[in-house]
Amino acid sequence: MKPNISKEEFENRATAYALGALSFYEARAFEDALSSFSEEELAELKELDETAALLAFDSISVAPPPSVKEKLFERINEETKDSVSPKIVTIRSDEGKWIECGGGIRVKQLFADPFKKTVTTLMQMEAGSSLPKHKHIGVEECYLLEGDITMDGQHYTKGDYLCALPDSIHEPLSTVGGALLLLIAPEQYEVVA
């Protein structure tokens, strides 16, 4: 286990990881840290993965009674009757939470679209940092706001736009001088060995 992670925090993250409950970036950070885990911790993670897999096949889907659905909608209507739902989501440059992913990379989630199942995120890469080879599960749009990146033998700079289509595989993405990227992508991805 990494020295700065307590056993309880490791167990919480490992459980969330096994259940698929971590965000795209949290899962990536957890996967990047796997090499620093002890054999005991890796065995515990394997056991959690196996348990999570069994749970998926052991549950029975049961529809709630119609009265429960009616009560739920009545409650939602009551709670929202006097409030105005926002039409614009605003996050100022000094707002939001940056999450450290390790390896000189940090991200700030701006918006999660539950209908498109995408997340809009800022990714900041320190000079010399890189992302591992990965496969895109869905469309990923990337706009380079600052700095430089190199990917698949191509060099990109401020103002360049990239769009990765589903099932595309990218070799490691790196930066020489650092970069700030705006990403609109599915929350999940797949690291390729």
Protein backbone atom coordinates (compact mmCIF):
# COMPACT_ATOMS: atom_id res chain seq x y z
CA MET A 1 0.00 0.00 0.00
CA LYS A 2 1.29 3.51 -0.73
CA PRO A 3 2.58 5.16 2.46
CA ASN A 4 0.11 8.06 2.22
CA ILE A 5 -2.99 5.81 2.04
CA SER A 6 -4.40 4.29 5.24
CA LYS A 7 -5.58 0.70 5.33
CA GLU A 8 -9.20 1.89 5.68
CA GLU A 9 -8.83 4.22 2.68
CA PHE A 10 -7.26 1.39 0.65
CA GLU A 11 -10.15 -0.92 1.54
CA ASN A 12 -12.71 1.75 0.59
CA ARG A 13 -11.01 2.49 -2.75
CA ALA A 14 -10.45 -1.19 -3.51
CA THR A 15 -14.11 -1.99 -2.79
CA ALA A 16 -15.33 0.92 -4.93
CA TYR A 17 -12.92 -0.14 -7.70
CA ALA A 18 -14.13 -3.77 -7.61
CA LEU A 19 -17.75 -2.61 -7.80
CA GLY A 20 -17.00 -0.24 -10.68
CA ALA A 21 -18.03 2.74 -8.55
CA LEU A 22 -14.94 4.90 -9.15
CA SER A 23 -14.96 7.63 -11.78
CA PHE A 24 -12.81 7.31 -14.89
CA TYR A 25 -9.98 9.29 -13.34
CA GLU A 26 -10.23 7.75 -9.87
CA ALA A 27 -10.04 4.27 -11.44
CA ARG A 28 -7.00 5.33 -13.51
CA ALA A 29 -5.23 6.69 -10.42
CA PHE A 30 -6.02 3.46 -8.53
CA GLU A 31 -4.70 1.32 -11.43
CA ASP A 32 -1.54 3.43 -11.62
CA ALA A 33 -0.93 2.77 -7.92
CA LEU A 34 -1.36 -1.04 -8.18
CA SER A 35 2.39 -1.59 -8.58
CA SER A 36 2.97 -0.07 -5.14
CA PHE A 37 0.54 -2.39 -3.35
CA SER A 38 1.75 -5.34 -1.26
CA GLU A 39 0.98 -8.94 -2.18
CA GLU A 40 -1.54 -9.01 0.68
CA GLU A 41 -3.34 -5.95 -0.70
CA LEU A 42 -3.36 -7.36 -4.24
CA ALA A 43 -4.82 -10.61 -2.89
CA GLU A 44 -7.50 -8.62 -1.06
CA LEU A 45 -8.32 -6.72 -4.27
CA LYS A 46 -8.56 -10.00 -6.21
CA GLU A 47 -10.97 -11.37 -3.59
CA LEU A 48 -13.09 -8.20 -3.82
CA ASP A 49 -13.17 -8.48 -7.64
CA GLU A 50 -14.32 -12.11 -7.42
CA THR A 51 -17.01 -11.22 -4.87
CA ALA A 52 -18.25 -8.31 -7.00
CA ALA A 53 -18.46 -10.61 -10.04
CA LEU A 54 -20.53 -13.12 -8.06
CA LEU A 55 -22.89 -10.39 -6.83
CA ALA A 56 -23.66 -9.37 -10.39
CA PHE A 57 -24.96 -12.85 -11.18
CA ASP A 58 -26.63 -13.50 -7.84
CA SER A 59 -29.09 -10.61 -7.76
CA ILE A 60 -32.70 -10.78 -8.85
CA SER A 61 -34.32 -7.80 -10.53
CA VAL A 62 -37.56 -6.92 -8.78
CA ALA A 63 -39.85 -4.08 -9.85
CA PRO A 64 -41.23 -1.99 -6.98
CA PRO A 65 -45.00 -1.84 -6.49
CA PRO A 66 -46.74 0.98 -8.46
CA SER A 67 -47.61 2.76 -5.19
CA VAL A 68 -43.89 3.26 -4.44
CA LYS A 69 -43.34 4.87 -7.84
CA GLU A 70 -46.33 7.19 -7.30
CA LYS A 71 -45.09 8.25 -3.86
CA LEU A 72 -41.61 8.90 -5.22
CA PHE A 73 -42.90 11.16 -8.02
CA GLU A 74 -45.19 13.00 -5.59
CA ARG A 75 -42.22 13.66 -3.30
CA ILE A 76 -40.05 14.86 -6.20
CA ASN A 77 -42.83 17.20 -7.36
CA GLU A 78 -43.27 18.62 -3.85
CA GLU A 79 -39.53 19.19 -3.38
CA THR A 80 -39.12 20.90 -6.75
CA LYS A 81 -42.41 22.85 -6.85
CA ASP A 82 -40.97 25.97 -5.21
CA SER A 83 -37.49 25.74 -6.64
CA VAL A 84 -36.34 26.78 -10.07
CA SER A 85 -34.07 24.28 -11.74
CA PRO A 86 -30.89 25.84 -13.15
CA LYS A 87 -30.67 26.26 -16.90
CA ILE A 88 -26.96 27.08 -16.84
CA VAL A 89 -24.20 25.35 -14.90
CA THR A 90 -21.33 27.68 -14.07
CA ILE A 91 -17.95 26.78 -12.61
CA ARG A 92 -15.58 29.71 -12.21
CA SER A 93 -11.86 29.19 -12.81
CA ASP A 94 -11.18 29.24 -9.06
CA GLU A 95 -14.05 26.83 -8.27
CA GLY A 96 -14.29 23.06 -8.47
CA LYS A 97 -12.02 20.40 -7.05
CA TRP A 98 -8.79 19.23 -8.68
CA ILE A 99 -8.14 15.52 -8.15
CA GLU A 100 -4.56 14.24 -8.18
CA CYS A 101 -4.27 11.17 -10.41
CA GLY A 102 -0.56 10.62 -9.89
CA GLY A 103 2.31 10.86 -12.30
CA GLY A 104 1.97 14.64 -12.63
CA ILE A 105 -1.64 14.56 -13.78
CA ARG A 106 -4.68 16.07 -12.13
CA VAL A 107 -8.26 16.55 -13.27
CA LYS A 108 -11.26 18.72 -12.46
CA GLN A 109 -14.72 17.45 -13.43
CA LEU A 110 -16.90 20.22 -14.82
CA PHE A 111 -20.09 18.40 -15.77
CA ALA A 112 -21.49 14.86 -15.95
CA ASP A 113 -24.22 14.32 -18.54
CA PRO A 114 -26.37 11.38 -17.38
CA PHE A 115 -28.21 11.21 -20.70
CA LYS A 116 -25.16 11.04 -22.97
CA LYS A 117 -23.17 9.25 -20.24
CA THR A 118 -20.23 11.61 -20.74
CA VAL A 119 -18.11 13.73 -18.46
CA THR A 120 -16.61 17.14 -19.28
CA THR A 121 -13.25 17.46 -17.58
CA LEU A 122 -10.16 19.63 -17.44
CA MET A 123 -6.92 17.62 -17.35
CA GLN A 124 -3.68 19.27 -16.32
CA MET A 125 -0.44 17.48 -17.19
CA GLU A 126 2.87 18.58 -15.67
CA ALA A 127 5.93 18.84 -17.91
CA GLY A 128 7.24 15.36 -18.76
CA SER A 129 4.09 13.50 -17.64
CA SER A 130 2.26 10.89 -19.71
CA LEU A 131 -0.90 8.78 -19.88
CA PRO A 132 -0.71 5.01 -20.52
CA LYS A 133 -1.79 3.28 -23.71
CA HIS A 134 -5.59 3.07 -23.61
CA LYS A 135 -8.68 2.10 -25.58
CA HIS A 136 -11.67 4.42 -25.95
CA ILE A 137 -15.03 2.86 -25.10
CA GLY A 138 -16.92 5.79 -26.65
CA VAL A 139 -16.23 9.05 -28.44
CA GLU A 140 -13.65 11.25 -26.69
CA GLU A 141 -13.26 14.89 -27.70
CA CYS A 142 -10.09 16.71 -26.66
CA TYR A 143 -9.26 20.39 -27.06
CA LEU A 144 -5.73 21.51 -26.15
CA LEU A 145 -6.13 24.77 -24.20
CA GLU A 146 -2.46 25.26 -23.27
CA GLY A 147 0.88 23.57 -23.83
CA ASP A 148 1.80 20.57 -25.96
CA ILE A 149 1.06 16.86 -26.26
CA THR A 150 2.46 14.06 -28.40
CA MET A 151 0.28 11.09 -29.27
CA ASP A 152 0.67 8.34 -31.86
CA GLY A 153 3.75 10.10 -33.27
CA GLN A 154 1.91 13.40 -33.81
CA HIS A 155 2.72 16.65 -31.99
CA TYR A 156 -0.16 18.96 -30.98
CA THR A 157 -0.16 22.48 -29.56
CA LYS A 158 -2.56 25.09 -28.12
CA GLY A 159 -5.82 25.27 -30.08
CA ASP A 160 -5.60 21.77 -31.61
CA TYR A 161 -8.67 19.50 -31.45
CA LEU A 162 -8.68 15.71 -31.43
CA CYS A 163 -11.61 13.31 -31.55
CA ALA A 164 -11.04 9.64 -30.69
CA LEU A 165 -13.74 7.32 -32.00
CA PRO A 166 -15.05 4.26 -30.12
CA ASP A 167 -12.65 1.31 -29.95
CA SER A 168 -9.67 3.46 -31.02
CA ILE A 169 -6.45 2.69 -29.21
CA HIS A 170 -3.94 5.39 -28.31
CA GLU A 171 -0.32 4.78 -27.58
CA PRO A 172 0.91 6.64 -24.49
CA LEU A 173 0.13 10.37 -24.61
CA SER A 174 2.91 12.62 -23.31
CA THR A 175 3.82 16.28 -22.86
CA VAL A 176 7.18 17.98 -22.93
CA GLY A 177 6.31 21.37 -21.44
CA GLY A 178 2.98 20.56 -19.76
CA ALA A 179 -0.58 20.81 -21.02
CA LEU A 180 -4.13 21.76 -20.12
CA LEU A 181 -6.82 19.74 -21.94
CA LEU A 182 -10.58 20.01 -22.11
CA LEU A 183 -12.06 16.51 -22.46
CA ILE A 184 -15.60 15.39 -23.21
CA ALA A 185 -15.61 11.63 -22.90
CA PRO A 186 -17.29 8.57 -21.39
CA GLU A 187 -16.40 8.11 -17.75
CA GLN A 188 -14.94 4.66 -18.43
CA TYR A 189 -11.87 3.70 -20.45
CA GLU A 190 -9.73 0.61 -20.81
CA VAL A 191 -5.96 0.50 -20.18
CA VAL A 192 -4.19 -1.62 -22.79
CA ALA A 193 -1.12 -3.57 -21.68
